[in-house]
Amino acid sequence: MNLRIAAIQSGSDPVRKLAGGSFHRSLETPLICPKCDATYNLIVDWDQAADRWFPEESRPLIKLLAKAIFMGHSTNHRVTHFETAGVVVESVIKPDP
């Protein structure tokens, strides 16, 4: 399964269209920066989130997202949209107009 999880900062919209199906689910537990109060909601495709193996498969990806959020503290959380792509985390940045 090619699992993609997006972390979107609370109060902001996704920068690009979310990958996966047309229905998405926000996971119950958001990720919080340990140094400040920046909160990121985790969003995943509904079908993938309903899979029985999702908790085991998502754990390493959620850890990667948490590390990316922690590292984003040094730039004052300018990146509001992170997304997993395999074993890397993409920082999705708004394009200049």
Protein backbone atom coordinates (compact mmCIF):
# COMPACT_ATOMS: atom_id res chain seq x y z
CA MET A 1 0.00 0.00 0.00
CA ASN A 2 1.32 3.42 -0.96
CA LEU A 3 0.31 5.33 2.15
CA ARG A 4 0.33 9.14 2.02
CA ILE A 5 -0.37 11.24 5.09
CA ALA A 6 -0.64 15.03 5.04
CA ALA A 7 0.01 17.29 8.02
CA ILE A 8 -1.80 20.61 7.62
CA GLN A 9 -1.26 23.40 10.13
CA SER A 10 -4.42 24.27 12.06
CA GLY A 11 -6.12 27.34 10.69
CA SER A 12 -4.67 26.96 7.20
CA ASP A 13 -5.79 25.23 4.02
CA PRO A 14 -3.87 22.60 2.07
CA VAL A 15 -1.47 24.23 -0.37
CA ARG A 16 -2.14 21.64 -3.08
CA LYS A 17 -4.77 19.02 -3.72
CA LEU A 18 -4.49 16.14 -1.28
CA ALA A 19 -3.40 12.80 -2.73
CA GLY A 20 -5.61 9.76 -2.65
CA GLY A 21 -9.35 9.36 -3.08
CA SER A 22 -12.06 11.94 -2.99
CA PHE A 23 -12.88 11.41 0.71
CA HIS A 24 -10.32 12.21 3.38
CA ARG A 25 -10.30 11.62 7.09
CA SER A 26 -8.68 13.75 9.74
CA LEU A 27 -7.01 11.55 12.35
CA GLU A 28 -8.01 12.04 15.98
CA THR A 29 -4.60 12.96 17.35
CA PRO A 30 -2.94 16.06 15.85
CA LEU A 31 0.81 16.62 15.95
CA ILE A 32 2.00 19.46 18.16
CA CYS A 33 5.37 21.19 18.04
CA PRO A 34 7.08 20.41 21.37
CA LYS A 35 8.56 23.93 21.58
CA CYS A 36 5.45 26.01 20.86
CA ASP A 37 1.72 25.68 20.31
CA ALA A 38 1.78 25.01 16.54
CA THR A 39 -0.69 22.21 15.79
CA TYR A 40 -0.88 20.14 12.61
CA ASN A 41 -3.88 18.00 11.69
CA LEU A 42 -3.16 14.65 10.04
CA ILE A 43 -5.21 13.89 6.95
CA VAL A 44 -5.30 10.58 5.10
CA ASP A 45 -7.43 8.93 2.43
CA TRP A 46 -10.57 7.44 4.00
CA ASP A 47 -10.07 3.93 2.55
CA GLN A 48 -6.47 3.75 3.74
CA ALA A 49 -7.41 4.98 7.23
CA ALA A 50 -10.08 2.26 7.49
CA ASP A 51 -7.59 -0.52 6.66
CA ARG A 52 -6.92 -2.89 9.56
CA TRP A 53 -3.14 -2.51 9.17
CA PHE A 54 -3.22 1.30 9.15
CA PRO A 55 -1.98 1.79 12.76
CA GLU A 56 1.16 -0.29 12.12
CA GLU A 57 1.85 1.11 8.64
CA SER A 58 1.29 4.73 9.62
CA ARG A 59 3.44 4.80 12.76
CA PRO A 60 6.82 5.38 11.02
CA LEU A 61 5.31 7.99 8.69
CA ILE A 62 3.76 9.89 11.59
CA LYS A 63 7.16 9.91 13.32
CA LEU A 64 8.71 11.41 10.17
CA LEU A 65 6.03 14.10 10.06
CA ALA A 66 6.58 14.89 13.75
CA LYS A 67 10.31 15.32 13.11
CA ALA A 68 9.62 17.63 10.13
CA ILE A 69 7.29 19.74 12.27
CA PHE A 70 9.89 19.93 15.04
CA MET A 71 12.54 21.04 12.53
CA GLY A 72 10.09 23.62 11.16
CA HIS A 73 10.11 25.41 14.50
CA SER A 74 13.44 27.03 13.60
CA THR A 75 11.74 28.77 10.62
CA ASN A 76 8.71 29.83 12.68
CA HIS A 77 6.55 27.15 11.04
CA ARG A 78 6.45 28.89 7.66
CA VAL A 79 5.63 25.57 5.97
CA THR A 80 1.97 24.83 6.66
CA HIS A 81 1.65 21.63 4.57
CA PHE A 82 3.81 18.51 4.89
CA GLU A 83 3.12 15.26 3.07
CA THR A 84 4.73 11.84 3.18
CA ALA A 85 6.00 10.35 -0.07
CA GLY A 86 7.38 6.91 0.62
CA VAL A 87 10.03 7.33 3.28
CA VAL A 88 10.54 11.09 2.81
CA VAL A 89 8.50 14.11 3.85
CA GLU A 90 7.68 16.75 1.23
CA SER A 91 7.35 20.36 2.33
CA VAL A 92 4.62 21.84 0.16
CA ILE A 93 5.20 25.57 -0.23
CA LYS A 94 2.85 28.07 -1.85
CA PRO A 95 4.12 29.10 -5.28
CA ASP A 96 4.86 32.78 -5.81
CA PRO A 97 2.06 34.55 -7.71
